[in-house]
């Protein structure tokens, strides 16, 4: 069994385990570029489930922007590459969007993923404006996707060690509790809720701080609204 088949098998089993479904697939365009923006969970693979669902239902590939850390770990790097992850950078994302592709990004990155469970369902992207600049530069519409239950896969314990390792080395060292207090993911029922596309303003550019701030604020506010709205559904 090759690495692609292994990745597919893992994702199929994860989708069944979490009873994964997507609401709002009609918002994904049949063709052309779009930037899919998701909240970042510690588990991370929930984004892969969304990409797999889009591929299965609509036949469109989704390129996922991954943290550079992923590509430093040999086995993890191979699995991620096989499943459509590319190293997250403005250059890679812009090239894919200009080629008419679907690109998925979790702007909060590892920092947001490491949030303790006392802060679950909360975004941490107030200073992460690269995705808004990317949309303004390419003209690609932004499709927001909220999956609040992804924060229920693990209980993340607040502790100074996690913060110190991340701040010093930009590496993940979380203290987590999964099923029965083990690292096994909890069987949280995952639903991705997709928002109608939000197009960047025609009169703004990525070099205009006011345009960037305004578009970013609108996107951040709407995604937080979606997380709050669906957190207990």
Protein backbone atom coordinates (compact mmCIF):
# COMPACT_ATOMS: atom_id res chain seq x y z
CA UNK A 1 0.00 0.00 0.00
CA UNK A 2 1.51 3.33 -1.06
CA UNK A 3 1.53 6.54 0.94
CA UNK A 4 -1.50 8.00 -0.89
CA UNK A 5 -3.62 4.93 -0.16
CA UNK A 6 -2.55 5.04 3.48
CA UNK A 7 -3.53 8.72 3.72
CA UNK A 8 -6.92 8.01 2.10
CA UNK A 9 -7.56 5.10 4.46
CA UNK A 10 -6.75 7.21 7.51
CA UNK A 11 -9.00 10.05 6.39
CA UNK A 12 -11.90 7.72 5.53
CA UNK A 13 -11.71 6.11 8.94
CA UNK A 14 -11.44 9.49 10.65
CA UNK A 15 -14.52 10.73 8.75
CA UNK A 16 -16.54 7.74 9.95
CA UNK A 17 -15.18 7.99 13.48
CA UNK A 18 -16.25 11.62 13.74
CA UNK A 19 -19.44 11.22 11.66
CA UNK A 20 -18.10 14.10 9.58
CA UNK A 21 -20.36 16.15 7.36
CA UNK A 22 -20.31 19.51 5.60
CA UNK A 23 -23.07 22.08 5.41
CA UNK A 24 -22.91 24.66 2.62
CA UNK A 25 -21.00 22.78 -0.08
CA UNK A 26 -23.04 24.75 -2.61
CA UNK A 27 -20.81 27.73 -1.75
CA UNK A 28 -17.76 26.03 -3.29
CA UNK A 29 -17.45 27.19 -6.91
CA UNK A 30 -17.51 24.55 -9.64
CA UNK A 31 -14.41 26.15 -11.14
CA UNK A 32 -12.04 29.01 -10.50
CA UNK A 33 -10.06 30.07 -7.46
CA UNK A 34 -11.24 30.45 -3.89
CA UNK A 35 -9.51 30.80 -0.55
CA UNK A 36 -11.07 28.59 2.12
CA UNK A 37 -10.34 29.95 5.60
CA UNK A 38 -10.80 27.66 8.61
CA UNK A 39 -10.35 27.83 12.37
CA UNK A 40 -7.27 25.89 13.54
CA UNK A 41 -7.71 23.01 15.96
CA UNK A 42 -4.97 21.09 17.71
CA UNK A 43 -5.98 17.89 15.90
CA UNK A 44 -5.50 19.65 12.54
CA UNK A 45 -6.75 16.72 10.46
CA UNK A 46 -10.27 18.15 10.48
CA UNK A 47 -9.15 20.43 7.64
CA UNK A 48 -8.16 17.32 5.69
CA UNK A 49 -11.66 15.92 6.21
CA UNK A 50 -13.13 19.06 4.67
CA UNK A 51 -10.78 18.84 1.69
CA UNK A 52 -11.67 15.16 1.21
CA UNK A 53 -15.40 15.92 1.32
CA UNK A 54 -15.04 18.64 -1.32
CA UNK A 55 -13.06 16.25 -3.52
CA UNK A 56 -15.58 13.42 -3.07
CA UNK A 57 -18.71 15.51 -3.59
CA UNK A 58 -17.55 18.12 -6.08
CA UNK A 59 -14.50 16.55 -7.71
CA UNK A 60 -12.26 19.52 -6.93
CA UNK A 61 -8.83 19.26 -5.37
CA UNK A 62 -8.08 21.43 -2.36
CA UNK A 63 -4.52 22.49 -1.59
CA UNK A 64 -3.92 22.85 2.13
CA UNK A 65 -1.31 25.29 3.40
CA UNK A 66 0.70 23.56 6.11
CA UNK A 67 2.98 24.86 8.84
CA UNK A 68 6.66 24.66 7.92
CA UNK A 69 7.12 22.42 10.96
CA UNK A 70 5.18 19.64 9.19
CA UNK A 71 7.71 19.50 6.39
CA UNK A 72 10.62 19.04 8.79
CA UNK A 73 9.32 15.66 10.02
CA UNK A 74 10.03 12.93 7.41
CA UNK A 75 7.00 10.62 7.83
CA UNK A 76 4.60 13.48 8.59
CA UNK A 77 5.96 15.39 5.59
CA UNK A 78 5.33 12.45 3.26
CA UNK A 79 1.80 11.93 4.56
CA UNK A 80 1.00 15.63 4.28
CA UNK A 81 2.36 15.90 0.75
CA UNK A 82 0.40 12.85 -0.33
CA UNK A 83 -2.79 14.44 0.91
CA UNK A 84 -2.37 17.79 -0.82
CA UNK A 85 -0.52 19.86 1.76
CA UNK A 86 1.98 22.41 0.52
CA UNK A 87 4.28 24.53 2.62
CA UNK A 88 2.38 27.59 3.71
CA UNK A 89 3.74 30.70 2.03
CA UNK A 90 2.35 33.70 0.20
CA UNK A 91 4.19 32.59 -2.94
CA UNK A 92 2.75 29.07 -2.97
CA UNK A 93 -0.77 30.24 -2.17
CA UNK A 94 -0.74 33.01 -4.77
CA UNK A 95 0.56 30.69 -7.49
CA UNK A 96 -2.20 28.16 -6.82
CA UNK A 97 -4.95 30.78 -6.73
CA UNK A 98 -3.77 32.36 -9.97
CA UNK A 99 -3.94 28.87 -11.49
CA UNK A 100 -7.61 28.71 -10.53
CA UNK A 101 -7.21 26.31 -7.61
CA UNK A 102 -8.92 25.98 -4.25
CA UNK A 103 -6.57 26.82 -1.38
CA UNK A 104 -7.29 26.14 2.29
CA UNK A 105 -5.60 28.05 5.09
CA UNK A 106 -5.89 28.15 8.87
CA UNK A 107 -4.50 31.65 9.56
CA UNK A 108 -4.01 31.09 13.28
CA UNK A 109 -1.39 28.44 12.60
CA UNK A 110 0.24 26.52 15.42
CA UNK A 111 -0.29 29.38 17.88
CA UNK A 112 -4.06 29.11 17.58
CA UNK A 113 -3.92 25.29 17.64
CA UNK A 114 -2.12 25.36 20.99
CA UNK A 115 -4.83 27.39 22.72
CA UNK A 116 -5.94 25.75 25.99
CA UNK A 117 -9.46 24.36 26.10
CA UNK A 118 -10.49 27.27 28.32
CA UNK A 119 -10.29 29.31 25.09
CA UNK A 120 -11.95 26.83 22.74
CA UNK A 121 -14.23 28.12 19.97
CA UNK A 122 -12.26 31.40 20.03
CA UNK A 123 -10.22 32.71 17.11
CA UNK A 124 -6.67 33.93 17.57
CA UNK A 125 -6.04 35.64 14.23
CA UNK A 126 -6.28 39.35 15.05
CA UNK A 127 -2.73 39.95 13.82
CA UNK A 128 -2.75 37.32 11.06
CA UNK A 129 -3.65 39.39 8.02
CA UNK A 130 -1.73 37.55 5.32
CA UNK A 131 -4.82 35.73 4.07
CA UNK A 132 -6.72 39.01 3.65
CA UNK A 133 -3.79 40.49 1.72
CA UNK A 134 -3.66 37.36 -0.43
CA UNK A 135 -7.34 37.66 -1.35
CA UNK A 136 -6.98 41.36 -2.13
CA UNK A 137 -3.90 40.73 -4.27
CA UNK A 138 -5.42 37.89 -6.30
CA UNK A 139 -9.10 38.88 -6.24
CA UNK A 140 -10.00 35.40 -5.01
CA UNK A 141 -13.23 35.10 -3.02
CA UNK A 142 -12.94 33.92 0.58
CA UNK A 143 -15.10 31.06 1.84
CA UNK A 144 -15.12 30.86 5.62
CA UNK A 145 -15.45 27.45 7.25
CA UNK A 146 -16.21 26.96 10.95
CA UNK A 147 -15.84 23.63 12.71
CA UNK A 148 -16.18 24.40 16.43
CA UNK A 149 -16.37 20.74 17.50
CA UNK A 150 -12.78 20.27 16.30
CA UNK A 151 -11.80 21.93 19.58
CA UNK A 152 -13.51 19.04 21.41
CA UNK A 153 -11.27 16.34 19.95
CA UNK A 154 -8.69 17.01 22.67
CA UNK A 155 -8.73 18.73 26.01
CA UNK A 156 -5.70 21.02 25.90
CA UNK A 157 -4.25 21.81 29.32
CA UNK A 158 -2.92 25.30 29.94
CA UNK A 159 0.69 25.13 31.12
CA UNK A 160 3.86 27.27 30.98
CA UNK A 161 5.94 24.60 29.22
CA UNK A 162 3.80 24.66 26.08
CA UNK A 163 4.02 28.44 25.92
CA UNK A 164 7.79 28.46 26.53
CA UNK A 165 8.56 25.85 23.85
CA UNK A 166 6.40 27.63 21.29
CA UNK A 167 7.73 31.11 22.07
CA UNK A 168 11.36 29.92 22.11
CA UNK A 169 11.44 27.35 19.30
CA UNK A 170 8.10 27.69 17.48
CA UNK A 171 7.45 24.00 18.17
CA UNK A 172 4.40 22.22 19.58
CA UNK A 173 4.61 20.65 23.03
CA UNK A 174 0.99 20.49 24.17
CA UNK A 175 -0.37 18.69 27.20
CA UNK A 176 -3.51 16.95 25.93
CA UNK A 177 -6.18 14.55 27.08
CA UNK A 178 -8.08 12.53 24.53
CA UNK A 179 -10.41 9.57 24.87
CA UNK A 180 -10.18 8.05 28.35
CA UNK A 181 -7.36 10.49 29.11
CA UNK A 182 -5.14 9.02 26.38
CA UNK A 183 -3.77 10.59 23.16
CA UNK A 184 -6.55 8.83 21.21
CA UNK A 185 -8.84 11.46 19.64
CA UNK A 186 -12.26 11.85 21.23
CA UNK A 187 -15.15 10.91 18.89
CA UNK A 188 -16.46 14.46 18.58
CA UNK A 189 -19.04 14.79 15.80
CA UNK A 190 -17.46 17.15 13.30
CA UNK A 191 -19.46 19.47 11.07
CA UNK A 192 -17.92 22.07 8.80
CA UNK A 193 -20.22 25.03 8.20
CA UNK A 194 -19.39 26.98 5.04
CA UNK A 195 -20.22 30.63 4.53
CA UNK A 196 -21.18 32.24 1.23
CA UNK A 197 -18.12 33.61 -0.62
CA UNK A 198 -16.93 37.03 0.52
CA UNK A 199 -15.21 38.90 -2.29
CA UNK A 200 -12.45 41.42 -1.59
CA UNK A 201 -13.44 45.02 -2.35
CA UNK A 202 -12.71 46.19 -5.88
CA UNK A 203 -11.31 49.51 -4.67
CA UNK A 204 -8.79 48.01 -2.24
CA UNK A 205 -5.32 46.56 -2.65
CA UNK A 206 -3.02 44.49 -0.50
CA UNK A 207 -0.75 47.53 -0.19
CA UNK A 208 -3.52 49.65 1.34
CA UNK A 209 -3.44 49.11 5.14
CA UNK A 210 -6.96 50.44 5.59
CA UNK A 211 -8.38 48.08 2.95
CA UNK A 212 -6.50 45.14 4.48
CA UNK A 213 -7.65 45.97 7.99
CA UNK A 214 -11.28 46.43 6.95
CA UNK A 215 -11.48 43.20 4.95
CA UNK A 216 -9.63 41.24 7.62
CA UNK A 217 -11.95 42.59 10.32
CA UNK A 218 -15.03 41.58 8.33
CA UNK A 219 -13.69 38.06 7.78
CA UNK A 220 -12.56 37.61 11.38
CA UNK A 221 -15.86 38.87 12.77
CA UNK A 222 -17.95 36.60 10.55
CA UNK A 223 -15.86 33.49 11.27
CA UNK A 224 -16.11 34.12 15.02
CA UNK A 225 -19.87 34.56 14.66
CA UNK A 226 -20.06 31.19 12.90
CA UNK A 227 -18.01 29.45 15.60
CA UNK A 228 -20.17 30.91 18.36
CA UNK A 229 -23.41 30.17 16.53
CA UNK A 230 -22.59 26.50 15.91
CA UNK A 231 -20.62 25.72 19.06
CA UNK A 232 -23.54 23.99 20.73
CA UNK A 233 -25.37 22.59 17.70
